[in-house]
Amino acid sequence: MGTILLIGLLLPVVYLMQLVKNKKPINFKSTKKTVVISIVGVLLTTMLFFIFSTNHTSFWLYLIGALIIAVIWALLLCACYYFYQVLSNNVKK
């Protein structure tokens, strides 16, 4: 199960790695795209985890937790990428 969750969390990382590779600046559009990719990845893995888990926890708790984690994860990744751009002097004003 941990491997499936790891794959879902790595989807936005792969997207941001493509931005780094192409030296594209982080902006609001790429941040929104990262959040959407993160939400999709985390929700899919959470649904798989819920289906195959034997816990008797509410489905809605899993869903709300997944949404919160996905948004926070994507914003942290975008912030790290922005600081990387600032420190490497690649920010275009």
Protein backbone atom coordinates (compact mmCIF):
# COMPACT_ATOMS: atom_id res chain seq x y z
CA MET A 1 0.00 0.00 0.00
CA GLY A 2 2.86 2.35 0.75
CA THR A 3 4.16 1.99 -2.79
CA ILE A 4 0.84 3.02 -4.28
CA LEU A 5 0.68 6.07 -2.02
CA LEU A 6 4.24 6.98 -2.96
CA ILE A 7 3.35 6.89 -6.67
CA GLY A 8 0.42 9.23 -6.08
CA LEU A 9 2.60 11.68 -4.17
CA LEU A 10 5.30 11.65 -6.84
CA LEU A 11 3.04 12.78 -9.70
CA PRO A 12 3.38 16.52 -8.95
CA VAL A 13 7.10 16.05 -8.31
CA VAL A 14 7.55 14.66 -11.81
CA TYR A 15 5.61 17.62 -13.25
CA LEU A 16 7.79 20.13 -11.40
CA MET A 17 10.93 18.27 -12.48
CA GLN A 18 9.85 18.86 -16.07
CA LEU A 19 9.55 22.58 -15.32
CA VAL A 20 13.05 22.56 -13.84
CA LYS A 21 14.40 20.68 -16.83
CA ASN A 22 12.86 23.17 -19.26
CA LYS A 23 13.86 26.13 -17.02
CA LYS A 24 10.33 27.48 -16.96
CA PRO A 25 9.50 29.96 -14.20
CA ILE A 26 6.93 29.09 -11.57
CA ASN A 27 3.78 31.16 -11.90
CA PHE A 28 0.15 30.98 -10.86
CA LYS A 29 -0.80 28.80 -13.85
CA SER A 30 1.83 26.16 -13.12
CA THR A 31 0.96 26.28 -9.41
CA LYS A 32 -2.72 25.59 -10.22
CA LYS A 33 -1.70 22.75 -12.52
CA THR A 34 0.50 21.26 -9.79
CA VAL A 35 -2.35 21.45 -7.26
CA VAL A 36 -4.72 19.71 -9.68
CA ILE A 37 -2.19 16.97 -10.46
CA SER A 38 -1.55 16.50 -6.75
CA ILE A 39 -5.26 16.28 -5.94
CA VAL A 40 -5.84 13.71 -8.68
CA GLY A 41 -2.86 11.59 -7.63
CA VAL A 42 -3.62 11.64 -3.92
CA LEU A 43 -7.35 11.05 -4.43
CA LEU A 44 -6.72 8.05 -6.69
CA THR A 45 -4.31 6.48 -4.25
CA THR A 46 -6.61 7.23 -1.31
CA MET A 47 -9.52 5.56 -3.10
CA LEU A 48 -7.38 2.49 -3.76
CA PHE A 49 -6.25 2.48 -0.14
CA PHE A 50 -9.85 2.78 1.06
CA ILE A 51 -11.06 -0.03 -1.20
CA PHE A 52 -8.35 -2.48 -0.16
CA SER A 53 -8.14 -1.46 3.49
CA THR A 54 -9.92 -3.30 6.26
CA ASN A 55 -10.35 -0.19 8.41
CA HIS A 56 -13.84 0.89 9.27
CA THR A 57 -13.13 4.59 8.97
CA SER A 58 -15.57 6.86 7.18
CA PHE A 59 -15.09 7.38 3.46
CA TRP A 60 -15.61 11.12 3.88
CA LEU A 61 -12.78 11.37 6.40
CA TYR A 62 -10.46 9.76 3.88
CA LEU A 63 -11.68 12.14 1.16
CA ILE A 64 -11.32 15.33 3.22
CA GLY A 65 -7.91 14.28 4.51
CA ALA A 66 -6.73 13.47 0.99
CA LEU A 67 -7.83 16.87 -0.33
CA ILE A 68 -6.09 18.74 2.47
CA ILE A 69 -2.88 16.74 2.11
CA ALA A 70 -2.87 17.13 -1.69
CA VAL A 71 -3.20 20.91 -1.58
CA ILE A 72 -0.56 21.31 1.14
CA TRP A 73 1.81 18.95 -0.69
CA ALA A 74 1.46 20.83 -3.98
CA LEU A 75 1.95 24.24 -2.36
CA LEU A 76 5.05 23.00 -0.53
CA LEU A 77 6.50 21.66 -3.76
CA CYS A 78 5.80 24.91 -5.62
CA ALA A 79 7.34 26.95 -2.80
CA CYS A 80 10.47 24.80 -2.89
CA TYR A 81 10.72 25.23 -6.64
CA TYR A 82 10.27 28.99 -6.30
CA PHE A 83 13.03 29.19 -3.68
CA TYR A 84 15.23 27.11 -5.96
CA GLN A 85 14.65 29.67 -8.72
CA VAL A 86 15.41 32.57 -6.38
CA LEU A 87 18.61 31.00 -5.08
CA SER A 88 19.83 30.14 -8.56
CA ASN A 89 18.90 33.62 -9.88
CA ASN A 90 16.51 32.26 -12.49
CA VAL A 91 13.49 34.36 -11.50
CA LYS A 92 12.16 36.51 -14.30
CA LYS A 93 10.45 39.63 -13.01
